[in-house]
C-alpha atoms as a PDB file:
ATOM      1  CA  MET A   1     -18.844   4.405 -11.023  1.00  0.00           C
ATOM      2  CA  THR A   2     -17.631   3.375  -7.692  1.00  0.00           C
ATOM      3  CA  ARG A   3     -18.558  -0.087  -6.611  1.00  0.00           C
ATOM      4  CA  TYR A   4     -19.965  -0.499  -2.973  1.00  0.00           C
ATOM      5  CA  TYR A   5     -19.256  -3.484  -1.160  1.00  0.00           C
ATOM      6  CA  ASP A   6     -21.346  -5.125   1.405  1.00  0.00           C
ATOM      7  CA  ILE A   7     -19.257  -6.837   4.361  1.00  0.00           C
ATOM      8  CA  ASP A   8     -19.450 -10.178   2.825  1.00  0.00           C
ATOM      9  CA  GLU A   9     -17.970  -8.812  -0.749  1.00  0.00           C
ATOM     10  CA  ALA A  10     -15.359  -7.175   1.300  1.00  0.00           C
ATOM     11  CA  ASN A  11     -14.209  -9.817   3.758  1.00  0.00           C
ATOM     12  CA  ALA A  12     -14.240 -12.479   0.580  1.00  0.00           C
ATOM     13  CA  ALA A  13     -11.973  -9.943  -1.009  1.00  0.00           C
ATOM     14  CA  VAL A  14      -9.497  -9.662   1.792  1.00  0.00           C
ATOM     15  CA  PRO A  15      -7.396 -12.511   1.029  1.00  0.00           C
ATOM     16  CA  ASP A  16      -6.232 -11.719  -2.496  1.00  0.00           C
ATOM     17  CA  VAL A  17      -5.840  -7.582  -1.255  1.00  0.00           C
ATOM     18  CA  GLU A  18      -3.760  -8.909   1.906  1.00  0.00           C
ATOM     19  CA  ARG A  19      -1.230 -10.366  -0.782  1.00  0.00           C
ATOM     20  CA  ILE A  20      -0.939  -7.275  -2.673  1.00  0.00           C
ATOM     21  CA  LEU A  21      -0.509  -5.376   0.608  1.00  0.00           C
ATOM     22  CA  LEU A  22       2.070  -7.776   1.931  1.00  0.00           C
ATOM     23  CA  ASP A  23       4.104  -7.435  -1.886  1.00  0.00           C
ATOM     24  CA  LEU A  24       3.635  -3.658  -1.391  1.00  0.00           C
ATOM     25  CA  ARG A  25       5.030  -3.450   2.089  1.00  0.00           C
ATOM     26  CA  ASP A  26       7.885  -5.435   1.148  1.00  0.00           C
ATOM     27  CA  GLN A  27       8.624  -3.583  -2.259  1.00  0.00           C
ATOM     28  CA  ARG A  28       8.275  -0.585  -0.316  1.00  0.00           C
ATOM     29  CA  ALA A  29      10.850  -1.650   2.656  1.00  0.00           C
ATOM     30  CA  GLU A  30      13.171  -3.097  -0.489  1.00  0.00           C
ATOM     31  CA  LEU A  31      12.770   0.385  -2.361  1.00  0.00           C
ATOM     32  CA  ILE A  32      13.836   2.465   0.980  1.00  0.00           C
ATOM     33  CA  ARG A  33      16.852   0.081   1.325  1.00  0.00           C
ATOM     34  CA  LEU A  34      18.135   0.503  -2.113  1.00  0.00           C
ATOM     35  CA  ARG A  35      17.681   4.321  -2.153  1.00  0.00           C
ATOM     36  CA  ASP A  36      19.775   4.472   0.849  1.00  0.00           C
ATOM     37  CA  ALA A  37      22.161   2.571  -0.685  1.00  0.00           C
ATOM     38  CA  VAL A  38      22.336   5.008  -3.815  1.00  0.00           C
ATOM     39  CA  SER A  39      22.518   7.958  -1.341  1.00  0.00           C
ATOM     40  CA  GLU A  40      25.439   6.335   0.483  1.00  0.00           C
ATOM     41  CA  ALA A  41      27.284   5.456  -2.852  1.00  0.00           C
ATOM     42  CA  ALA A  42      26.868   9.051  -3.696  1.00  0.00           C
ATOM     43  CA  GLU A  43      28.296  10.539  -0.881  1.00  0.00           C
ATOM     44  CA  GLU A  44      31.366   8.178  -1.260  1.00  0.00           C
ATOM     45  CA  GLU A  45      31.783   9.147  -4.728  1.00  0.00           C
ATOM     46  CA  ASN A  46      31.793  12.914  -3.247  1.00  0.00           C
ATOM     47  CA  LEU A  47      34.852  12.175  -1.332  1.00  0.00           C
ATOM     48  CA  ALA A  48      36.645  10.062  -4.466  1.00  0.00           C
ATOM     49  CA  ALA A  49      36.555   9.584  -8.070  1.00  0.00           C
ATOM     50  CA  PRO A  50      34.221   6.667  -8.740  1.00  0.00           C
ATOM     51  CA  SER A  51      35.562   3.578  -9.992  1.00  0.00           C
ATOM     52  CA  SER A  52      33.823   1.722 -12.826  1.00  0.00           C
ATOM     53  CA  THR A  53      32.810  -0.784 -10.910  1.00  0.00           C
ATOM     54  CA  ALA A  54      30.873   1.215  -8.661  1.00  0.00           C
ATOM     55  CA  VAL A  55      28.968   3.376 -11.218  1.00  0.00           C
ATOM     56  CA  ALA A  56      27.926   0.002 -12.787  1.00  0.00           C
ATOM     57  CA  GLU A  57      26.744  -0.901  -8.999  1.00  0.00           C
ATOM     58  CA  THR A  58      24.998   2.089  -8.889  1.00  0.00           C
ATOM     59  CA  ARG A  59      23.207   2.071 -12.407  1.00  0.00           C
ATOM     60  CA  ARG A  60      22.031  -1.672 -11.532  1.00  0.00           C
ATOM     61  CA  ILE A  61      20.562  -0.369  -8.128  1.00  0.00           C
ATOM     62  CA  ARG A  62      18.623   2.153 -10.153  1.00  0.00           C
ATOM     63  CA  LEU A  63      17.585  -0.102 -12.584  1.00  0.00           C
ATOM     64  CA  ARG A  64      16.339  -2.314  -9.488  1.00  0.00           C
ATOM     65  CA  MET A  65      14.529   0.531  -8.034  1.00  0.00           C
ATOM     66  CA  GLN A  66      12.473   1.209 -11.092  1.00  0.00           C
ATOM     67  CA  GLY A  67      11.593  -2.306 -11.345  1.00  0.00           C
ATOM     68  CA  LEU A  68      10.273  -2.327  -7.897  1.00  0.00           C
ATOM     69  CA  ILE A  69       8.361   0.847  -8.245  1.00  0.00           C
ATOM     70  CA  ASP A  70       7.161  -0.444 -11.810  1.00  0.00           C
ATOM     71  CA  GLN A  71       5.642  -3.817  -9.520  1.00  0.00           C
ATOM     72  CA  MET A  72       4.450  -1.224  -6.608  1.00  0.00           C
ATOM     73  CA  GLN A  73       2.285   0.568  -9.614  1.00  0.00           C
ATOM     74  CA  ALA A  74       0.808  -2.680 -10.795  1.00  0.00           C
ATOM     75  CA  GLY A  75       0.218  -3.577  -7.348  1.00  0.00           C
ATOM     76  CA  VAL A  76      -2.002   0.246  -7.022  1.00  0.00           C
ATOM     77  CA  THR A  77      -3.523  -0.549 -10.055  1.00  0.00           C
ATOM     78  CA  ARG A  78      -4.716  -3.981  -9.129  1.00  0.00           C
ATOM     79  CA  LEU A  79      -6.429  -2.272  -6.267  1.00  0.00           C
ATOM     80  CA  VAL A  80      -7.859   0.531  -7.986  1.00  0.00           C
ATOM     81  CA  GLU A  81      -9.527  -1.971 -10.133  1.00  0.00           C
ATOM     82  CA  ARG A  82     -10.914  -3.434  -7.078  1.00  0.00           C
ATOM     83  CA  ASP A  83     -12.238   0.254  -6.167  1.00  0.00           C
ATOM     84  CA  VAL A  84     -10.245  -0.592  -2.947  1.00  0.00           C
ATOM     85  CA  THR A  85      -8.412   2.508  -1.763  1.00  0.00           C
ATOM     86  CA  LEU A  86      -5.203   2.312  -0.423  1.00  0.00           C
ATOM     87  CA  ARG A  87      -4.213   4.657   2.950  1.00  0.00           C
ATOM     88  CA  GLU A  88      -0.896   3.307   3.522  1.00  0.00           C
ATOM     89  CA  ILE A  89       1.510   0.610   2.589  1.00  0.00           C
ATOM     90  CA  GLU A  90       3.493   0.391   5.677  1.00  0.00           C
ATOM     91  CA  THR A  91       0.868  -0.908   7.948  1.00  0.00           C
ATOM     92  CA  GLY A  92      -1.554  -2.002   4.779  1.00  0.00           C
ATOM     93  CA  LEU A  93      -4.628   0.267   5.852  1.00  0.00           C
ATOM     94  CA  ILE A  94      -7.380   0.170   3.269  1.00  0.00           C
ATOM     95  CA  ASP A  95     -11.048   1.111   2.890  1.00  0.00           C
ATOM     96  CA  PHE A  96     -13.405  -0.565   0.850  1.00  0.00           C
ATOM     97  CA  PRO A  97     -16.409   1.768  -0.136  1.00  0.00           C
ATOM     98  CA  ALA A  98     -19.560   0.832   1.118  1.00  0.00           C
ATOM     99  CA  LEU A  99     -23.278   2.182   2.315  1.00  0.00           C
ATOM    100  CA  ALA A 100     -24.761   2.282   5.106  1.00  0.00           C
ATOM    101  CA  ASN A 101     -28.729   2.929   5.336  1.00  0.00           C
ATOM    102  CA  GLY A 102     -28.052   4.665   1.859  1.00  0.00           C
ATOM    103  CA  ARG A 103     -25.261   6.800   2.811  1.00  0.00           C
ATOM    104  CA  PRO A 104     -21.413   6.054   1.605  1.00  0.00           C
ATOM    105  CA  ILE A 105     -19.038   4.852   4.169  1.00  0.00           C
ATOM    106  CA  TRP A 106     -15.593   3.463   4.314  1.00  0.00           C
ATOM    107  CA  LEU A 107     -15.008  -0.715   5.447  1.00  0.00           C
ATOM    108  CA  CYS A 108     -11.824   0.175   7.080  1.00  0.00           C
ATOM    109  CA  TRP A 109      -9.077  -3.083   7.414  1.00  0.00           C
ATOM    110  CA  ARG A 110      -5.356  -3.285   7.704  1.00  0.00           C
ATOM    111  CA  LEU A 111      -2.491  -6.037   7.700  1.00  0.00           C
ATOM    112  CA  GLY A 112      -2.963  -8.225  10.729  1.00  0.00           C
ATOM    113  CA  GLU A 113      -6.369  -7.809  11.409  1.00  0.00           C
ATOM    114  CA  GLY A 114      -8.868 -10.654  10.668  1.00  0.00           C
ATOM    115  CA  PRO A 115     -12.224 -10.110   9.197  1.00  0.00           C
ATOM    116  CA  ILE A 116     -13.396  -6.710   8.958  1.00  0.00           C
ATOM    117  CA  GLU A 117     -14.679  -5.100  12.130  1.00  0.00           C
ATOM    118  CA  TRP A 118     -14.466  -1.531  11.791  1.00  0.00           C
ATOM    119  CA  TRP A 119     -15.985   1.362   9.419  1.00  0.00           C
ATOM    120  CA  HIS A 120     -16.200   5.268   9.334  1.00  0.00           C
ATOM    121  CA  GLU A 121     -17.410   7.764   7.557  1.00  0.00           C
ATOM    122  CA  GLN A 122     -16.268   9.129   4.617  1.00  0.00           C
ATOM    123  CA  ASP A 123     -14.917  12.536   5.687  1.00  0.00           C
ATOM    124  CA  GLU A 124     -13.264  10.755   8.834  1.00  0.00           C
ATOM    125  CA  GLY A 125      -9.645   8.420   9.025  1.00  0.00           C
ATOM    126  CA  PHE A 126      -8.255   5.805  10.812  1.00  0.00           C
ATOM    127  CA  GLY A 127      -8.750   7.754  13.914  1.00  0.00           C
ATOM    128  CA  GLY A 128     -12.417   7.972  13.516  1.00  0.00           C
ATOM    129  CA  ARG A 129     -13.006   4.296  13.632  1.00  0.00           C
ATOM    130  CA  HIS A 130     -16.037   2.419  14.987  1.00  0.00           C
ATOM    131  CA  ARG A 131     -16.813  -1.230  15.238  1.00  0.00           C
ATOM    132  CA  LEU A 132     -19.283  -2.893  12.549  1.00  0.00           C
ATOM    133  CA  ALA A 133     -21.869  -3.919  15.444  1.00  0.00           C
ATOM    134  CA  ASP A 134     -22.105   0.078  16.552  1.00  0.00           C
ATOM    135  CA  LEU A 135     -23.109   1.050  12.686  1.00  0.00           C
ATOM    136  CA  THR A 136     -26.727   2.609  12.478  1.00  0.00           C
END
């Protein structure tokens, strides 16, 4: 069953959620950097026979990548356990399920914003955000 947040509960959850999102963003950036390093190493290996050192380094990088993926999965699980919907890691865009006059909506927040000030209908996305003050 989905939990519905009121604005005070969602704002109270933001600091913990923000820490998770910052970790996810950093882990994603590191994963991309490592992926590029592995791709570059693979291109070099295609040009010459790989040394045992290069093979060991590629293995170490791949293990680090798997560790990052595991950490990211744990972070996403923590959000899911809170019934917070992750929309985008890079910008830290999330939605909290809420009710407005009995209808389900999303309270919308992303990294860098202060208290939650935005909402949108469940069938709309970020482009359909409205100010909470306009919620009727």
